[in-house]
Protein backbone atom coordinates (compact mmCIF):
# COMPACT_ATOMS: atom_id res chain seq x y z
CA MET A 1 -0.18 0.18 -0.31
CA THR A 2 1.04 3.56 -0.83
CA ARG A 3 0.76 5.44 1.81
CA LYS A 4 1.97 8.65 0.36
CA ARG A 5 -0.82 8.62 -2.46
CA LEU A 6 -3.31 8.15 0.54
CA GLU A 7 -1.69 11.20 2.37
CA GLU A 8 -2.00 13.23 -0.58
CA ALA A 9 -5.67 12.42 -1.05
CA ALA A 10 -6.56 13.25 2.37
CA GLU A 11 -4.65 16.52 2.37
CA ALA A 12 -6.66 17.46 -1.11
CA TYR A 13 -9.82 16.27 -0.16
CA ARG A 14 -10.48 16.86 4.22
CA ASP A 15 -13.77 15.71 4.15
CA ALA A 16 -12.75 12.23 3.13
CA ALA A 17 -9.39 12.24 5.51
CA GLU A 18 -10.82 10.55 8.58
CA GLU A 19 -12.31 7.69 6.39
CA LEU A 20 -8.92 7.47 4.49
CA ARG A 21 -7.06 6.90 8.06
CA ASP A 22 -9.73 4.36 8.96
CA TRP A 23 -9.42 2.67 5.88
CA GLN A 24 -5.72 1.95 6.16
CA PRO A 25 -5.43 -0.16 9.46
CA ILE A 26 -8.09 -2.43 8.07
CA VAL A 27 -6.20 -3.14 5.07
CA LYS A 28 -3.26 -3.26 5.99
CA ALA A 29 -4.08 -6.22 8.90
CA ALA A 30 -6.07 -7.93 6.18
CA ARG A 31 -5.15 -11.16 3.84
CA TRP A 32 -7.41 -11.32 0.93
CA ARG A 33 -7.23 -14.44 -0.88
CA ARG A 34 -10.03 -13.06 -3.45
CA PHE A 35 -12.28 -10.40 -3.71
CA GLU A 36 -15.16 -11.85 -1.77
CA ASP A 37 -13.19 -11.35 0.94
CA VAL A 38 -12.92 -7.75 0.36
CA LYS A 39 -16.50 -7.56 -0.05
CA ALA A 40 -16.91 -9.25 2.91
CA ILE A 41 -15.40 -6.03 4.86
CA PHE A 42 -16.07 -3.24 2.09
CA THR A 43 -19.70 -4.27 1.01
CA ASP A 44 -19.49 -1.15 -1.42
CA ALA A 45 -15.97 -2.35 -2.91
CA ASP A 46 -16.55 -3.17 -6.77
CA ASN A 47 -14.36 -5.40 -8.79
CA VAL A 48 -13.68 -3.43 -12.38
CA ASN A 49 -11.89 -4.53 -15.17
CA GLY A 50 -9.09 -5.95 -13.06
CA TYR A 51 -9.32 -3.13 -10.38
CA VAL A 52 -10.85 -3.02 -7.17
CA VAL A 53 -12.91 0.22 -6.24
CA PHE A 54 -13.40 1.87 -2.91
CA ASP A 55 -16.43 4.34 -2.14
CA PHE A 56 -15.68 6.91 0.14
CA ARG A 57 -17.94 9.43 1.69
CA ASN A 58 -21.04 8.08 0.11
CA ASN A 59 -19.83 7.66 -3.45
CA ARG A 60 -18.45 11.19 -3.35
CA TYR A 61 -15.22 9.23 -4.02
CA ARG A 62 -13.77 6.50 -5.39
CA LEU A 63 -10.12 4.84 -4.40
CA ILE A 64 -9.06 2.77 -7.23
CA THR A 65 -6.62 -0.03 -6.13
CA VAL A 66 -5.25 -3.06 -7.87
CA ILE A 67 -5.00 -6.01 -5.55
CA HIS A 68 -2.64 -8.91 -5.46
CA TYR A 69 -4.16 -11.56 -3.59
CA VAL A 70 -2.78 -13.72 -1.12
CA LYS A 71 -1.22 -17.00 -2.67
CA THR A 72 0.33 -20.66 -1.63
CA ILE A 73 3.50 -21.33 -3.19
CA GLU A 74 5.22 -24.30 -2.15
CA GLY A 75 3.12 -24.44 0.71
CA LYS A 76 3.89 -20.84 2.05
CA PRO A 77 1.28 -17.70 2.12
CA THR A 78 2.89 -14.72 0.33
CA LYS A 79 1.47 -11.80 1.94
CA GLY A 80 -0.69 -10.33 -0.68
CA HIS A 81 0.01 -6.73 -1.67
CA ILE A 82 -2.50 -3.50 -2.40
CA TYR A 83 -1.55 -0.52 -4.68
CA ILE A 84 -3.20 2.60 -4.87
CA ARG A 85 -4.01 3.91 -8.52
CA SER A 86 -5.72 7.09 -7.75
CA PHE A 87 -8.43 8.91 -5.32
CA LEU A 88 -10.99 10.62 -7.70
CA THR A 89 -14.02 12.23 -7.54
CA HIS A 90 -17.42 10.99 -8.67
CA LYS A 91 -16.97 13.23 -11.95
CA GLU A 92 -13.15 11.85 -12.56
CA TYR A 93 -14.39 8.55 -12.13
CA ASN A 94 -16.40 8.65 -14.88
CA ASP A 95 -13.30 8.71 -17.21
CA PRO A 96 -11.53 5.38 -17.03
CA LYS A 97 -8.50 6.75 -18.23
CA LYS A 98 -7.70 8.65 -14.81
CA TRP A 99 -8.14 5.51 -13.51
CA ASP A 100 -4.29 4.36 -13.39
CA PRO A 101 -1.52 7.00 -13.99
CA PHE A 102 0.79 4.20 -14.23
CA ARG A 103 -0.93 2.26 -17.00
CA ARG A 104 -1.30 5.46 -19.13
CA LYS A 105 2.33 5.97 -19.23
CA LYS A 106 3.22 2.44 -20.97
């Protein structure tokens, strides 16, 4: 998880800052193996074209992520990772080109 990106979002969208801070320890402690595990905790999360989208402030904002789920390799579980791609307003979310600044550069 990229804390810097979340801090930038909290600074830019102060009305979502507390919710973003509350979200972080839950995600950090999670060991999700599939999307259904995410959905069990964050019922408003959506799986869209390979991204997991979290809603904040009653859909006012969307956090776009890529999750590498926990897997078992040679009998040992991996940690899993969540990558923050962008934090968007509801209006910005309607433009999928804004979802992943890293993919656009390729």
